[in-house]
Amino acid sequence: MSRPTGFADLAGRRVGIFGYGVEGRASERRLEGIAASVVLVEDAPDEERVLATAAGGLDALFSCDVVLKSPGIARRRADVLALEDAGVVVTSALNLWFAEAPLERVVAVTGTKGKSTTTSLITFFLTCLGEDATSLGNIGRPPYDPDAAPPEGWLVVEVSSFQCTDLEVAPANVVITSLGSDHLDWHGSLEQYWADKLSITRLGDPHVTFVAESASAGLDQIGGEVVLVAARESHEELAHALGLLGHHNASNVALALEVVAHLTSRSPESVAAAVALEAENFVPLRGRLTLIDEEVTAGGRIRYVDDGLATAPLPTVAALEVFADDEVALLVGGFDRGVDYAPLVDALAARTRPTSVITMGLAGERIAEEITARDVGVAVAVFEAESMGEAISFARARLPRGGVVVLSPAAPSFDRYRNWLERSEDFAAHVRARDEWSLGRDSNP
C-alpha cells in the first residue's frame, strides 16, 4: 500500500505494532475501531498475547500492511530494514499523529538535555498568560493516545532522537535545547545521532526553529527559520524563582520565553513579567536536580539531590557546574550504551573542590577506567558500589564536612531498573532510610 498520511489511512488494514511499551500500548488504543487486525510484537514480551520477535513475531509483521515502530526499536535494525525491503510500510504513530495534527498549534521540543524541563516551562508560561496548553510526548502521554484527550489549545510535545528519525512532517515550531553525545548504541555514531535528532528541523514544512546558543555547533544541519537564543542574567534570576538550578536551566528559561513570546505575539520581557508573578506555582520535574532531603551532621550539612533524569554525560556535567563550590559525592553509572565520557572526565578534572565518584554498573566501570587513565588531580576519588544502598553509604561517609550527594548517572537505568523513575525512587528510599545504614568500606583509600 502507499504510505499512510494519518491513522484514517489504516482503516481496514492489518497493522503491526513493533515494540509494546508505553507508545505501543497507546498505539493499540488509537487503532481500536480503525484497523482490521492488529499484531503485537516485542523483543521480550511479558504478556501471552504479545509475540516475541524471534519466536514468530517478525514473521507475523511480514504479513502486515503497515508496521508502527515504537521508538525503542532502532530505525536501522536488520529486521526493520528487512520489513521495508519486503514492501511492508514501516512508520510511527507519532508520524501519523503529526500528519493529522493542527501543526500551527504544535511545539516540538528536542535536544540532548533540557527537553523535559523546557517542555514543562513552555506549557507553564503559556498558562501564566491565560492560554490553554498541554505537555505531551515523553514528558506525559503520547499525543496520539485517546486517553490523553488534549484540550483545544497549544500542544507542547517532547520528541526524542529515536522519534525524530521516523517523522515526515514538521510542526510550525521546533525547539533545540542542546546537543551532546547520547544513544550511540541506537544511532551508531555521534555524527548520525546529531543528523537524526536534527532531521525534524530539515523537513520541508514551513516552521520556526528555536535553537539554544549552546547548540549552535549544529547550525549547519538545522533547517527552518532559525532563531538563536542566548541566556542572560535575568534568565538565571527567573530560573531561580522557578526553583531551577544552574546555567543550563537559565538557557531553558530563555528558550521558553522566546517561544511563548512568538506564539502569543508578545515580547519576551512581558512574558517574563507574567511568569514572575506565578513562579511559586511552578513544580520542577522529578529527577532534575530535585532536593530529596538534607541532614545536619557534626561536620556540616549534607544535601541529597536527585538528578536521575541525567542519562547522558552532558546533564551530569551541568549538575557538577551547579555545585562547583561544594564538596560532592557523585553517583554515576548504569547501562553502557557507548557514549563518550571524555566531557564528564574533563569536568571532573576541572573541579577544585573535593569530589568522590561512586560508580555502578557497566557504564560506571567505564567511567572509573577513564578517570583512572587520566590525571584528574587529587580532588577526585573513585569508588565502586554493588548497590544503591552501598553507593549512598559510601557517599555519606565521604562528606564528613558536609556537601552534596548527587545521583546524576550519565547513563540509562535499564541494567538494573525498568526506567529512570524506578532508579530515582530507589535513591530516595535509601536516602530516607539512611539511619539504618552501616557505612560501607572505602574501596579506594
Protein backbone atom coordinates (compact mmCIF):
# COMPACT_ATOMS: atom_id res chain seq x y z
CA MET A 1 0.00 0.00 0.00
CA SER A 2 1.02 3.66 -0.32
CA ARG A 3 2.45 5.38 2.75
CA PRO A 4 -0.32 6.38 5.18
CA THR A 5 -0.71 10.07 5.91
CA GLY A 6 -2.70 9.61 9.08
CA PHE A 7 -4.47 6.99 11.19
CA ALA A 8 -7.51 7.15 8.93
CA ASP A 9 -5.43 5.56 6.15
CA LEU A 10 -5.12 2.41 8.29
CA ALA A 11 -8.85 1.67 8.06
CA GLY A 12 -9.41 -1.98 7.19
CA ARG A 13 -5.68 -2.75 7.20
CA ARG A 14 -3.63 -5.35 9.08
CA VAL A 15 -1.32 -3.28 11.29
CA GLY A 16 1.67 -4.41 13.32
CA ILE A 17 2.87 -2.71 16.47
CA PHE A 18 6.58 -3.39 16.88
CA GLY A 19 7.55 -2.61 20.47
CA TYR A 20 4.88 -2.88 23.13
CA GLY A 21 5.86 -0.36 25.78
CA VAL A 22 4.09 2.90 26.63
CA GLU A 23 3.99 4.01 22.98
CA GLY A 24 2.92 0.57 21.71
CA ARG A 25 0.03 0.37 24.16
CA ALA A 26 -1.10 3.88 23.21
CA SER A 27 -0.91 2.91 19.53
CA GLU A 28 -3.11 -0.11 20.18
CA ARG A 29 -5.74 2.07 21.85
CA ARG A 30 -5.59 4.55 18.94
CA LEU A 31 -6.14 1.78 16.38
CA GLU A 32 -9.26 0.43 18.09
CA GLY A 33 -12.13 0.54 15.62
CA ILE A 34 -9.83 1.52 12.72
CA ALA A 35 -7.56 -1.39 11.78
CA ALA A 36 -8.99 -4.69 10.59
CA SER A 37 -6.49 -6.54 12.79
CA VAL A 38 -3.53 -5.67 14.99
CA VAL A 39 -0.38 -7.73 15.57
CA LEU A 40 1.58 -7.03 18.77
CA VAL A 41 5.31 -7.83 18.77
CA GLU A 42 8.00 -7.21 21.39
CA ASP A 43 11.57 -8.48 21.71
CA ALA A 44 10.92 -9.76 25.25
CA PRO A 45 7.16 -9.74 25.82
CA ASP A 46 5.60 -10.10 29.26
CA GLU A 47 2.07 -10.88 28.01
CA GLU A 48 0.94 -14.06 26.25
CA ARG A 49 -0.94 -12.17 23.56
CA VAL A 50 2.25 -10.33 22.53
CA LEU A 51 4.51 -12.26 20.16
CA ALA A 52 8.26 -12.44 20.72
CA THR A 53 10.23 -11.02 17.79
CA ALA A 54 12.45 -14.10 17.49
CA ALA A 55 9.62 -16.62 18.06
CA GLY A 56 7.13 -15.88 15.29
CA GLY A 57 6.70 -12.16 15.88
CA LEU A 58 8.85 -10.99 12.99
CA ASP A 59 7.13 -13.44 10.63
CA ALA A 60 3.77 -12.01 11.72
CA LEU A 61 4.97 -8.48 10.96
CA PHE A 62 5.83 -9.54 7.41
CA SER A 63 2.13 -10.30 6.94
CA CYS A 64 1.11 -6.74 7.84
CA ASP A 65 0.29 -3.86 5.51
CA VAL A 66 1.81 -1.31 7.89
CA VAL A 67 4.05 -1.60 10.95
CA LEU A 68 4.07 1.13 13.61
CA LYS A 69 7.57 1.01 15.09
CA SER A 70 7.97 2.15 18.67
CA PRO A 71 10.89 4.48 19.47
CA GLY A 72 12.89 1.82 21.31
CA ILE A 73 13.24 -0.24 18.12
CA ALA A 74 16.28 1.15 16.29
CA ARG A 75 15.48 2.57 12.87
CA ARG A 76 18.38 0.75 11.20
CA ARG A 77 17.93 -2.66 12.81
CA ALA A 78 18.28 -5.51 10.36
CA ASP A 79 14.74 -6.74 10.95
CA VAL A 80 13.27 -3.27 10.38
CA LEU A 81 15.20 -2.91 7.13
CA ALA A 82 14.10 -6.40 6.07
CA LEU A 83 10.44 -5.45 6.54
CA GLU A 84 10.89 -2.42 4.32
CA ASP A 85 12.75 -4.44 1.69
CA ALA A 86 9.76 -6.81 1.63
CA GLY A 87 7.38 -3.93 0.90
CA VAL A 88 5.92 -3.52 4.39
CA VAL A 89 5.40 0.14 5.22
CA VAL A 90 7.25 0.99 8.46
CA THR A 91 6.34 4.25 10.15
CA SER A 92 5.49 5.51 13.65
CA ALA A 93 2.35 6.52 15.47
CA LEU A 94 3.85 9.94 16.19
CA ASN A 95 4.45 10.49 12.47
CA LEU A 96 0.79 9.66 11.74
CA TRP A 97 -0.32 11.99 14.53
CA PHE A 98 1.75 14.87 13.15
CA ALA A 99 0.16 14.27 9.74
CA GLU A 100 -3.30 14.88 11.24
CA ALA A 101 -2.44 17.40 13.98
CA PRO A 102 -3.12 21.17 13.90
CA LEU A 103 0.56 21.90 13.23
CA GLU A 104 0.19 25.63 13.82
CA ARG A 105 -0.64 24.85 17.48
CA VAL A 106 2.15 22.30 18.00
CA VAL A 107 5.57 22.92 19.55
CA ALA A 108 8.07 20.04 19.26
CA VAL A 109 10.94 20.11 21.77
CA THR A 110 14.07 18.01 21.35
CA GLY A 111 17.73 18.11 22.42
CA THR A 112 20.32 16.06 24.29
CA LYS A 113 19.33 17.56 27.62
CA GLY A 114 16.70 20.01 28.76
CA LYS A 115 13.82 18.58 26.68
CA SER A 116 11.53 17.73 29.58
CA THR A 117 12.23 20.91 31.55
CA THR A 118 11.80 23.16 28.50
CA THR A 119 8.58 21.38 27.55
CA SER A 120 7.18 21.95 31.05
CA LEU A 121 8.36 25.58 31.06
CA ILE A 122 6.72 26.41 27.73
CA THR A 123 3.46 24.86 28.94
CA PHE A 124 3.61 26.69 32.27
CA PHE A 125 4.49 30.04 30.67
CA LEU A 126 1.53 29.75 28.30
CA THR A 127 -0.83 29.05 31.19
CA CYS A 128 0.57 32.09 33.01
CA LEU A 129 -0.73 34.14 30.08
CA GLY A 130 -4.17 32.54 30.28
CA GLU A 131 -3.61 30.19 27.34
CA ASP A 132 -4.65 26.54 27.21
CA ALA A 133 -1.56 24.34 26.90
CA THR A 134 -0.75 20.66 27.42
CA SER A 135 2.59 18.85 27.75
CA LEU A 136 2.67 15.63 25.73
CA GLY A 137 5.12 13.05 24.44
CA ASN A 138 7.93 11.70 26.57
CA ILE A 139 7.03 14.09 29.39
CA GLY A 140 3.43 12.84 29.54
CA ARG A 141 1.10 10.73 27.44
CA PRO A 142 1.83 10.10 23.77
CA PRO A 143 -0.20 12.71 21.87
CA TYR A 144 -1.97 10.03 19.83
CA ASP A 145 -3.20 8.22 22.95
CA PRO A 146 -7.02 8.58 23.05
CA ASP A 147 -6.72 8.82 26.84
CA ALA A 148 -4.58 11.97 26.51
CA ALA A 149 -7.59 13.99 25.29
CA PRO A 150 -5.66 17.27 24.86
CA PRO A 151 -7.83 20.40 25.08
CA GLU A 152 -8.16 22.91 22.31
CA GLY A 153 -5.01 24.91 22.80
CA TRP A 154 -1.24 24.66 22.47
CA LEU A 155 0.25 21.17 22.29
CA VAL A 156 3.85 21.05 23.56
CA VAL A 157 5.41 17.71 22.59
CA GLU A 158 8.73 16.37 23.84
CA VAL A 159 10.34 14.40 20.99
CA SER A 160 13.33 12.06 21.34
CA SER A 161 16.05 11.45 18.76
CA PHE A 162 14.53 7.98 18.29
CA GLN A 163 11.25 9.57 17.21
CA CYS A 164 12.76 12.28 15.00
CA THR A 165 14.07 9.70 12.53
CA ASP A 166 10.55 8.47 11.73
CA LEU A 167 8.98 11.89 11.12
CA GLU A 168 7.95 13.15 7.70
CA VAL A 169 6.09 16.27 8.86
CA ALA A 170 7.34 19.16 10.98
CA PRO A 171 5.14 21.27 13.28
CA ALA A 172 5.14 25.04 13.00
CA ASN A 173 7.50 25.40 15.96
CA VAL A 174 10.58 23.30 16.74
CA VAL A 175 12.91 23.78 19.73
CA ILE A 176 16.50 22.50 20.05
CA THR A 177 17.66 22.69 23.67
CA SER A 178 21.21 21.31 23.41
CA LEU A 179 23.49 18.96 21.50
CA GLY A 180 25.84 16.45 23.06
CA SER A 181 26.56 12.73 22.97
CA ASP A 182 23.82 10.20 23.67
CA HIS A 183 22.19 6.97 22.44
CA LEU A 184 25.18 5.99 20.31
CA ASP A 185 24.21 2.33 20.60
CA TRP A 186 20.95 3.19 18.83
CA HIS A 187 22.24 5.70 16.25
CA GLY A 188 25.64 4.17 15.56
CA SER A 189 27.82 7.28 15.86
CA LEU A 190 27.82 10.83 17.22
CA GLU A 191 27.52 12.22 13.70
CA GLN A 192 24.48 10.04 12.98
CA TYR A 193 22.94 10.95 16.35
CA TRP A 194 23.13 14.65 15.52
CA ALA A 195 21.85 14.07 12.00
CA ASP A 196 18.91 12.02 13.31
CA LYS A 197 18.00 14.42 16.11
CA LEU A 198 18.14 17.48 13.87
CA SER A 199 16.29 15.81 11.00
CA ILE A 200 13.00 17.22 12.31
CA THR A 201 14.28 20.72 11.51
CA ARG A 202 15.08 19.78 7.91
CA LEU A 203 11.58 18.62 6.96
CA GLY A 204 10.03 20.75 4.25
CA ASP A 205 7.09 22.17 6.15
CA PRO A 206 7.45 25.91 6.98
CA HIS A 207 8.47 26.24 10.60
CA VAL A 208 10.48 28.30 13.06
CA THR A 209 13.40 26.55 14.79
CA PHE A 210 14.42 27.98 18.17
CA VAL A 211 17.98 26.97 19.00
CA ALA A 212 19.80 27.39 22.31
CA GLU A 213 23.14 29.11 21.94
CA SER A 214 24.82 26.01 23.40
CA ALA A 215 23.54 24.01 20.40
CA SER A 216 24.96 26.40 17.80
CA ALA A 217 27.59 23.83 16.78
CA GLY A 218 24.85 22.09 14.82
CA LEU A 219 23.62 25.16 12.93
CA ASP A 220 24.88 23.84 9.59
CA GLN A 221 22.47 20.90 9.96
CA ILE A 222 19.47 22.87 11.25
CA GLY A 223 16.67 23.92 8.93
CA GLY A 224 13.65 26.16 9.21
CA GLU A 225 13.64 29.85 10.12
CA VAL A 226 16.35 29.72 12.79
CA VAL A 227 16.15 31.85 15.95
CA LEU A 228 19.29 31.59 18.11
CA VAL A 229 18.55 32.13 21.81
CA ALA A 230 21.12 33.12 24.45
CA ALA A 231 20.69 33.08 28.23
CA ARG A 232 21.28 36.27 30.20
CA GLU A 233 21.49 37.16 33.88
CA SER A 234 17.75 37.92 34.01
CA HIS A 235 17.05 34.37 32.84
CA GLU A 236 19.12 32.97 35.71
CA GLU A 237 17.12 35.09 38.15
CA LEU A 238 13.82 33.84 36.76
CA ALA A 239 15.10 30.25 36.76
CA HIS A 240 15.96 30.60 40.45
CA ALA A 241 12.48 31.97 41.19
CA LEU A 242 11.05 28.89 39.45
CA GLY A 243 13.13 26.60 41.65
CA LEU A 244 15.57 25.63 38.89
CA LEU A 245 19.33 25.43 39.41
CA GLY A 246 22.22 26.02 37.02
CA HIS A 247 23.08 27.94 33.85
CA HIS A 248 21.58 25.21 31.69
CA ASN A 249 18.19 25.92 33.25
CA ALA A 250 18.65 29.62 32.52
CA SER A 251 19.07 28.55 28.90
CA ASN A 252 15.87 26.51 29.12
CA VAL A 253 14.03 29.52 30.55
CA ALA A 254 15.38 31.77 27.78
CA LEU A 255 14.16 29.32 25.14
CA ALA A 256 10.73 29.03 26.70
CA LEU A 257 10.33 32.82 26.92
CA GLU A 258 11.31 33.26 23.27
CA VAL A 259 8.96 30.50 22.09
CA VAL A 260 5.98 31.74 24.11
CA ALA A 261 6.58 35.33 23.04
CA HIS A 262 6.48 34.15 19.41
CA LEU A 263 3.33 32.07 19.91
CA THR A 264 1.42 34.85 21.65
CA SER A 265 2.82 37.88 19.74
CA ARG A 266 4.24 39.41 22.93
CA SER A 267 7.71 40.48 23.96
CA PRO A 268 9.87 38.07 25.98
CA GLU A 269 10.05 40.71 28.71
CA SER A 270 6.25 40.88 29.09
CA VAL A 271 6.07 37.09 29.21
CA ALA A 272 8.78 37.04 31.89
CA ALA A 273 6.87 39.61 33.96
CA ALA A 274 3.71 37.47 33.87
CA VAL A 275 5.68 34.32 34.75
CA ALA A 276 7.41 36.00 37.68
CA LEU A 277 4.02 36.62 39.29
CA GLU A 278 3.19 32.90 39.14
CA ALA A 279 6.69 31.44 39.61
CA GLU A 280 5.97 29.91 43.01
CA ASN A 281 3.28 27.73 41.39
CA PHE A 282 5.73 26.04 39.02
CA VAL A 283 6.54 22.44 40.00
CA PRO A 284 10.00 21.37 38.76
CA LEU A 285 10.19 17.91 37.23
CA ARG A 286 11.21 14.98 39.36
CA GLY A 287 14.73 13.79 38.75
CA ARG A 288 16.04 17.17 37.62
CA LEU A 289 18.29 18.41 40.43
CA THR A 290 15.49 17.78 42.93
CA LEU A 291 16.36 18.17 46.61
CA ILE A 292 15.23 14.91 48.27
CA ASP A 293 16.40 15.51 51.82
CA GLU A 294 19.13 17.09 53.92
CA GLU A 295 20.71 16.39 57.26
CA VAL A 296 22.90 18.27 59.69
CA THR A 297 25.94 16.26 60.78
CA ALA A 298 28.70 17.04 63.25
CA GLY A 299 30.80 18.42 60.41
CA GLY A 300 28.17 20.31 58.41
CA ARG A 301 25.09 19.93 56.23
CA ILE A 302 24.60 17.19 53.62
CA ARG A 303 22.06 17.68 50.82
CA TYR A 304 20.75 14.71 48.83
CA VAL A 305 19.87 15.66 45.25
CA ASP A 306 18.12 13.52 42.65
CA ASP A 307 19.23 14.25 39.09
CA GLY A 308 18.16 10.81 37.88
CA LEU A 309 16.91 12.05 34.52
CA ALA A 310 20.54 12.79 33.63
CA THR A 311 21.04 9.68 31.49
CA ALA A 312 23.85 11.19 29.39
CA PRO A 313 27.16 12.92 30.24
CA LEU A 314 26.06 16.45 29.30
CA PRO A 315 23.43 16.92 32.04
CA THR A 316 25.79 15.39 34.59
CA VAL A 317 28.41 17.96 33.61
CA ALA A 318 25.75 20.64 34.13
CA ALA A 319 25.00 19.24 37.59
CA LEU A 320 28.68 19.50 38.54
CA GLU A 321 28.66 23.13 37.43
CA VAL A 322 25.71 23.85 39.73
CA PHE A 323 27.68 22.51 42.72
CA ALA A 324 31.07 23.92 41.72
CA ASP A 325 31.62 25.40 45.20
CA ASP A 326 30.54 22.32 47.16
CA GLU A 327 32.19 19.07 48.13
CA VAL A 328 30.37 16.49 46.05
CA ALA A 329 29.78 12.75 46.13
CA LEU A 330 28.57 11.89 42.63
CA LEU A 331 26.67 8.65 41.91
CA VAL A 332 27.12 7.59 38.28
CA GLY A 333 26.69 4.57 36.05
CA GLY A 334 24.13 2.14 34.71
CA PHE A 335 23.65 0.66 31.27
CA ASP A 336 26.59 1.29 28.94
CA ARG A 337 25.39 2.48 25.52
CA GLY A 338 28.81 3.51 24.24
CA VAL A 339 28.71 7.29 24.64
CA ASP A 340 31.85 9.41 25.01
CA TYR A 341 32.56 10.11 28.67
CA ALA A 342 35.52 12.43 27.98
CA PRO A 343 33.42 15.59 28.66
CA LEU A 344 32.46 14.24 32.07
CA VAL A 345 36.06 13.34 32.91
CA ASP A 346 37.14 16.81 31.75
CA ALA A 347 34.55 18.40 34.06
CA LEU A 348 35.76 16.29 36.99
CA ALA A 349 39.37 17.21 36.28
CA ALA A 350 38.44 20.90 36.31
CA ARG A 351 36.88 20.78 39.78
CA THR A 352 38.67 22.50 42.63
CA ARG A 353 36.56 21.10 45.47
CA PRO A 354 36.92 17.50 46.76
CA THR A 355 34.83 15.13 44.65
CA SER A 356 34.05 11.46 45.16
CA VAL A 357 32.73 9.45 42.22
CA ILE A 358 30.75 6.36 43.22
CA THR A 359 30.18 4.07 40.23
CA MET A 360 27.62 1.36 39.48
CA GLY A 361 27.05 -0.95 36.51
CA LEU A 362 28.99 -1.34 33.28
CA ALA A 363 28.82 2.36 32.44
CA GLY A 364 30.18 3.08 35.91
CA GLU A 365 33.08 0.71 35.28
CA ARG A 366 33.96 2.54 32.07
CA ILE A 367 33.70 5.95 33.73
CA ALA A 368 36.02 4.73 36.51
CA GLU A 369 38.50 3.40 33.94
CA GLU A 370 38.56 6.71 32.07
CA ILE A 371 39.04 8.68 35.31
CA THR A 372 41.86 6.35 36.39
CA ALA A 373 43.54 6.64 32.99
CA ARG A 374 43.58 10.42 33.30
CA ASP A 375 45.35 12.64 35.80
CA VAL A 376 42.24 14.25 37.25
CA GLY A 377 44.01 15.58 40.31
CA VAL A 378 43.96 14.72 43.99
CA ALA A 379 40.50 16.30 44.41
CA VAL A 380 38.77 13.30 42.77
CA ALA A 381 38.48 9.82 44.31
CA VAL A 382 36.69 6.85 42.74
CA PHE A 383 34.71 4.11 44.50
CA GLU A 384 32.77 1.13 43.19
CA ALA A 385 29.43 0.14 44.71
CA GLU A 386 27.37 -3.00 44.19
CA SER A 387 24.02 -1.46 45.05
CA MET A 388 22.25 1.86 45.53
CA GLY A 389 22.33 1.47 49.29
CA GLU A 390 26.07 0.84 49.28
CA ALA A 391 26.62 3.78 46.91
CA ILE A 392 24.80 6.20 49.19
CA SER A 393 26.61 4.79 52.21
CA PHE A 394 29.96 5.46 50.53
CA ALA A 395 28.80 8.94 49.52
CA ARG A 396 27.70 9.91 53.00
CA ALA A 397 30.96 8.69 54.52
CA ARG A 398 32.94 10.82 52.06
CA LEU A 399 31.37 14.08 53.24
CA PRO A 400 32.46 14.47 56.90
CA ARG A 401 32.42 18.27 56.50
CA GLY A 402 29.11 18.32 54.66
CA GLY A 403 28.39 18.72 50.96
CA VAL A 404 26.09 17.32 48.30
CA VAL A 405 25.26 13.71 47.39
CA VAL A 406 24.08 13.81 43.77
CA LEU A 407 22.52 10.97 41.80
CA SER A 408 23.36 12.12 38.26
CA PRO A 409 24.08 8.82 36.49
CA ALA A 410 25.19 9.92 32.99
CA ALA A 411 23.78 6.57 31.83
CA PRO A 412 20.40 4.86 31.37
CA SER A 413 18.88 2.80 34.14
CA PHE A 414 17.79 -0.37 32.43
CA ASP A 415 20.65 -2.59 33.50
CA ARG A 416 19.00 -2.84 36.94
CA TYR A 417 15.78 -0.82 36.78
CA ARG A 418 12.78 -0.61 34.48
CA ASN A 419 13.27 3.14 33.96
CA TRP A 420 14.89 6.26 35.39
CA LEU A 421 11.96 6.85 37.76
CA GLU A 422 12.38 3.47 39.45
CA ARG A 423 16.08 4.25 39.95
CA SER A 424 15.29 7.69 41.39
CA GLU A 425 12.70 6.21 43.73
CA ASP A 426 15.28 3.67 44.92
CA PHE A 427 17.72 6.53 45.58
CA ALA A 428 15.09 8.48 47.54
CA ALA A 429 14.07 5.41 49.56
CA HIS A 430 17.65 4.68 50.59
CA VAL A 431 18.29 8.34 51.43
CA ARG A 432 15.28 8.41 53.74
CA ALA A 433 16.35 5.14 55.36
CA ARG A 434 19.89 6.35 55.99
CA ASP A 435 19.73 5.89 59.77
CA GLU A 436 19.61 2.15 59.11
CA TRP A 437 22.83 2.10 57.08
CA SER A 438 26.12 0.66 58.11
CA LEU A 439 28.75 2.73 56.41
CA GLY A 440 30.49 0.92 53.58
CA ARG A 441 34.18 0.29 53.25
CA ASP A 442 36.46 2.69 51.42
CA SER A 443 37.36 0.85 48.20
CA ASN A 444 39.92 3.41 47.08
CA PRO A 445 41.70 4.82 50.11
